Each structure stands twice: as C-alpha cells, then as structure tokens.
Amino acid sequence: MRNFIIVGLLFLMTSCGKNEEKQGPKEQLNFQKYFKFIRDAVNSSDENKGNRSVQLNNGILLTKAYVKDSLTLKFDLWQASLIEVIDKPTSIEANFSMPIDPSNKSAQKAIVLSSLIDKSKKELTDKLKVGIQVSISGNFIEKEGFIDIDSYSNYKFSKNVFDNPEFKIELTRID
C-alpha cells in the first residue's frame, strides 16, 4: 500500500505542469519560444535605457536572421487564431495570432501574421471567420533583403516590439 501511495504521489508531481498547451509544429513552437526569450530579456532591462535599446536592436536583427536562415522565410501548418479581417477594395487583410505565452491568449501578447489576400482567391477568403483556430502555411515577405517587424497595434504601455510583433506574410494555405 505504501508503494502505491508513493507511485501515486510521483505520478501527480510529474503530471503537474503538463497542462501547458502546445500547439503547432516544432518550428512554430521554437519560433514562439525565441520571441518570448528576447521579449523577456528586453523587458528585464527597463532600468538601463542604453542596454535596453541595444538589446532591442540586436533582438530585431537576430530575429530577422532567424526568419530568413532558420525558417527560410516559410512556415507550414502553423496553428493560429484569426483575430481580424479588414475588407479593402481589391483584397482582404487577414491577421492571425499566435500567443507568445501559452497562458496568455490575448492578441496584445502575441505574434501576429498579417496577409493581404486577393479577393479572387476564394479558396482562402471563404475560410476567413474571425475567432476560428486554423492551420496556415505561407511565406514571410522579404523586400530587398528586408524583413519588416512592426508592432501590431498602438500598444501604448510597451515600447518593446517583441510584446506584440507583426510580420507581413503571403498566405498560401488555410485549413
């Protein structure tokens, strides 16, 4: 009986903390962890403004290199939530959110992938419904060797683009 109780306690201890949701392929999870690491490093240097600026600039450069070299500007079947659809004259802007922290599902603490989709691409536009969880594939947009990382919204209390980064993408598939 004693061994049974010990085994039960060990099982409970090892199963605690495994409730963290892990969604998406390994490349996506690594990308999200990478962002979280840089964001936390920049935010921890609040008191030293010079160091913060250097860390932020280095983080942006390293992230651009990561997207270009490690991901080869592509992503496949990444799990995301569709948070916004904006109708434009010839296209639809779709913004997809991937949480940086699994415990915080807010679009204000997420990596946002933003795509302009031609309205004639019905196989993509017909699947756009705000609030749904989807698998998306596509390419990060690079213009003349430049990958743009911007803040998704006017997130006033943070000057860290890693709190809410937005990437422009070309969406090739949505499931």
Protein backbone atom coordinates (compact mmCIF):
# COMPACT_ATOMS: atom_id res chain seq x y z
CA MET A 1 0.00 0.00 0.00
CA ARG A 2 2.84 2.37 0.85
CA ASN A 3 4.44 1.82 -2.57
CA PHE A 4 1.09 2.52 -4.22
CA ILE A 5 0.84 5.89 -2.42
CA ILE A 6 4.42 6.82 -3.36
CA VAL A 7 3.81 5.90 -7.00
CA GLY A 8 0.57 7.93 -6.95
CA LEU A 9 2.34 10.97 -5.49
CA LEU A 10 5.14 10.70 -8.06
CA PHE A 11 2.56 10.48 -10.84
CA LEU A 12 0.77 13.59 -9.55
CA MET A 13 4.02 15.54 -9.25
CA THR A 14 5.19 14.63 -12.74
CA SER A 15 1.81 15.32 -14.32
CA CYS A 16 1.54 18.78 -12.74
CA GLY A 17 2.73 21.46 -15.12
CA LYS A 18 1.93 19.38 -18.18
CA ASN A 19 -1.32 21.25 -18.71
CA GLU A 20 0.52 23.81 -20.83
CA GLU A 21 -0.96 23.80 -24.30
CA LYS A 22 1.49 23.01 -27.04
CA GLN A 23 0.03 23.73 -30.41
CA GLY A 24 1.73 23.67 -33.73
CA PRO A 25 4.73 22.10 -35.36
CA LYS A 26 8.17 22.18 -33.76
CA GLU A 27 9.32 25.13 -35.93
CA GLN A 28 6.38 27.21 -34.71
CA LEU A 29 6.94 26.35 -31.05
CA ASN A 30 10.66 27.18 -31.37
CA PHE A 31 9.81 30.50 -33.03
CA GLN A 32 7.40 31.38 -30.20
CA LYS A 33 9.97 30.40 -27.54
CA TYR A 34 12.61 32.50 -29.31
CA PHE A 35 10.33 35.55 -29.22
CA LYS A 36 9.48 35.02 -25.57
CA PHE A 37 13.18 34.80 -24.69
CA ILE A 38 14.02 38.05 -26.48
CA ARG A 39 10.95 39.86 -25.17
CA ASP A 40 11.76 38.87 -21.59
CA ALA A 41 15.41 39.91 -22.00
CA VAL A 42 14.46 43.34 -23.33
CA ASN A 43 11.78 43.88 -20.69
CA SER A 44 14.17 42.89 -17.89
CA SER A 45 16.48 45.75 -18.81
CA ASP A 46 13.92 48.51 -18.08
CA GLU A 47 16.18 50.33 -15.65
CA ASN A 48 19.11 50.62 -18.05
CA LYS A 49 17.77 52.52 -21.09
CA GLY A 50 21.02 52.20 -23.08
CA ASN A 51 21.22 48.45 -22.57
CA ARG A 52 17.52 48.08 -23.39
CA SER A 53 17.97 49.88 -26.71
CA VAL A 54 20.96 47.72 -27.63
CA GLN A 55 19.12 44.52 -26.68
CA LEU A 56 16.06 45.58 -28.66
CA ASN A 57 18.07 46.41 -31.80
CA ASN A 58 20.11 43.20 -31.53
CA GLY A 59 16.94 41.18 -30.96
CA ILE A 60 15.35 42.61 -34.10
CA LEU A 61 18.44 41.83 -36.18
CA LEU A 62 18.71 38.30 -34.79
CA THR A 63 15.00 37.66 -35.36
CA LYS A 64 15.22 38.77 -38.98
CA ALA A 65 18.18 36.42 -39.44
CA TYR A 66 16.23 33.60 -37.73
CA VAL A 67 13.25 34.07 -40.06
CA LYS A 68 15.48 34.17 -43.12
CA ASP A 69 18.01 31.48 -42.23
CA SER A 70 16.32 29.03 -39.85
CA LEU A 71 12.80 29.23 -41.26
CA THR A 72 13.94 30.00 -44.83
CA LEU A 73 11.10 32.56 -44.96
CA LYS A 74 8.50 29.76 -44.88
CA PHE A 75 6.06 28.25 -42.41
CA ASP A 76 3.87 25.20 -42.79
CA LEU A 77 0.67 24.31 -40.92
CA TRP A 78 1.24 26.74 -38.06
CA GLN A 79 -1.64 26.93 -35.57
CA ALA A 80 -3.14 30.41 -35.23
CA SER A 81 -6.34 32.25 -34.41
CA LEU A 82 -7.90 34.60 -36.93
CA ILE A 83 -8.27 37.84 -34.96
CA GLU A 84 -9.14 40.41 -37.60
CA VAL A 85 -10.43 40.63 -41.18
CA ILE A 86 -10.31 44.00 -42.94
CA ASP A 87 -12.11 44.39 -46.26
CA LYS A 88 -10.20 46.51 -48.80
CA PRO A 89 -11.13 47.42 -52.41
CA THR A 90 -9.25 44.55 -54.12
CA SER A 91 -8.04 42.48 -51.21
CA ILE A 92 -8.77 41.30 -47.71
CA GLU A 93 -6.31 41.80 -44.87
CA ALA A 94 -6.32 38.84 -42.50
CA ASN A 95 -4.45 38.97 -39.19
CA PHE A 96 -3.58 35.72 -37.43
CA SER A 97 -2.42 35.50 -33.82
CA MET A 98 -0.06 33.02 -32.15
CA PRO A 99 0.37 33.51 -28.39
CA ILE A 100 3.86 34.17 -27.12
CA ASP A 101 2.88 32.80 -23.71
CA PRO A 102 0.53 29.78 -23.74
CA SER A 103 -1.21 31.13 -20.63
CA ASN A 104 -2.00 34.50 -22.28
CA LYS A 105 -4.23 34.19 -25.35
CA SER A 106 -4.61 37.96 -25.84
CA ALA A 107 -3.92 39.37 -29.29
CA GLN A 108 -1.96 42.03 -27.45
CA LYS A 109 0.65 39.49 -26.32
CA ALA A 110 1.07 37.51 -29.50
CA ILE A 111 2.97 37.18 -32.73
CA VAL A 112 0.71 38.46 -35.49
CA LEU A 113 0.99 37.25 -39.06
CA SER A 114 -0.70 39.70 -41.43
CA SER A 115 -1.62 38.81 -45.01
CA LEU A 116 -3.22 40.70 -47.90
CA ILE A 117 -5.28 38.19 -49.85
CA ASP A 118 -6.61 38.94 -53.32
CA LYS A 119 -10.40 38.73 -53.30
CA SER A 120 -10.29 36.38 -56.30
CA LYS A 121 -8.62 33.67 -54.16
CA LYS A 122 -11.89 32.22 -52.91
CA GLU A 123 -10.17 29.06 -51.60
CA LEU A 124 -8.57 31.33 -48.97
CA THR A 125 -11.08 34.13 -48.47
CA ASP A 126 -14.07 31.81 -47.98
CA LYS A 127 -12.40 30.34 -44.88
CA LEU A 128 -11.91 33.67 -43.10
CA LYS A 129 -14.08 33.86 -39.99
CA VAL A 130 -12.85 35.89 -37.02
CA GLY A 131 -12.29 33.82 -33.91
CA ILE A 132 -11.57 30.48 -35.56
CA GLN A 133 -8.47 28.41 -34.92
CA VAL A 134 -6.75 27.50 -38.19
CA SER A 135 -3.62 25.93 -39.64
CA ILE A 136 -1.87 28.27 -42.03
CA SER A 137 1.02 27.93 -44.43
CA GLY A 138 2.85 30.62 -46.31
CA ASN A 139 5.93 32.75 -46.72
CA PHE A 140 7.33 35.68 -44.79
CA ILE A 141 7.55 38.69 -47.10
CA GLU A 142 11.04 39.98 -47.76
CA LYS A 143 11.58 43.16 -49.77
CA GLU A 144 15.09 43.87 -50.98
CA GLY A 145 16.57 41.76 -48.19
CA PHE A 146 14.45 43.48 -45.54
CA ILE A 147 12.02 41.63 -43.27
CA ASP A 148 9.66 44.01 -41.52
CA ILE A 149 8.89 43.53 -37.83
CA ASP A 150 6.39 46.05 -36.60
CA SER A 151 4.10 46.42 -33.62
CA TYR A 152 0.61 45.10 -34.39
CA SER A 153 -1.28 47.86 -32.59
CA ASN A 154 -0.84 51.08 -30.72
CA TYR A 155 0.15 49.17 -27.62
CA LYS A 156 0.91 52.24 -25.53
CA PHE A 157 2.49 50.90 -22.35
CA SER A 158 5.23 48.92 -24.11
CA LYS A 159 8.00 50.10 -26.37
CA ASN A 160 9.11 46.52 -26.99
CA VAL A 161 8.10 45.32 -30.45
CA PHE A 162 8.55 41.78 -29.12
CA ASP A 163 5.48 42.22 -26.90
CA ASN A 164 3.26 42.31 -29.97
CA PRO A 165 5.25 41.75 -33.19
CA GLU A 166 3.62 41.73 -36.62
CA PHE A 167 5.06 40.09 -39.71
CA LYS A 168 3.77 40.53 -43.24
CA ILE A 169 3.16 37.20 -44.92
CA GLU A 170 1.90 35.71 -48.14
CA LEU A 171 -0.73 33.15 -47.19
CA THR A 172 -0.66 30.05 -49.38
CA ARG A 173 -2.94 27.69 -47.46
CA ILE A 174 -5.53 27.80 -44.71
CA ASP A 175 -7.14 24.74 -43.09
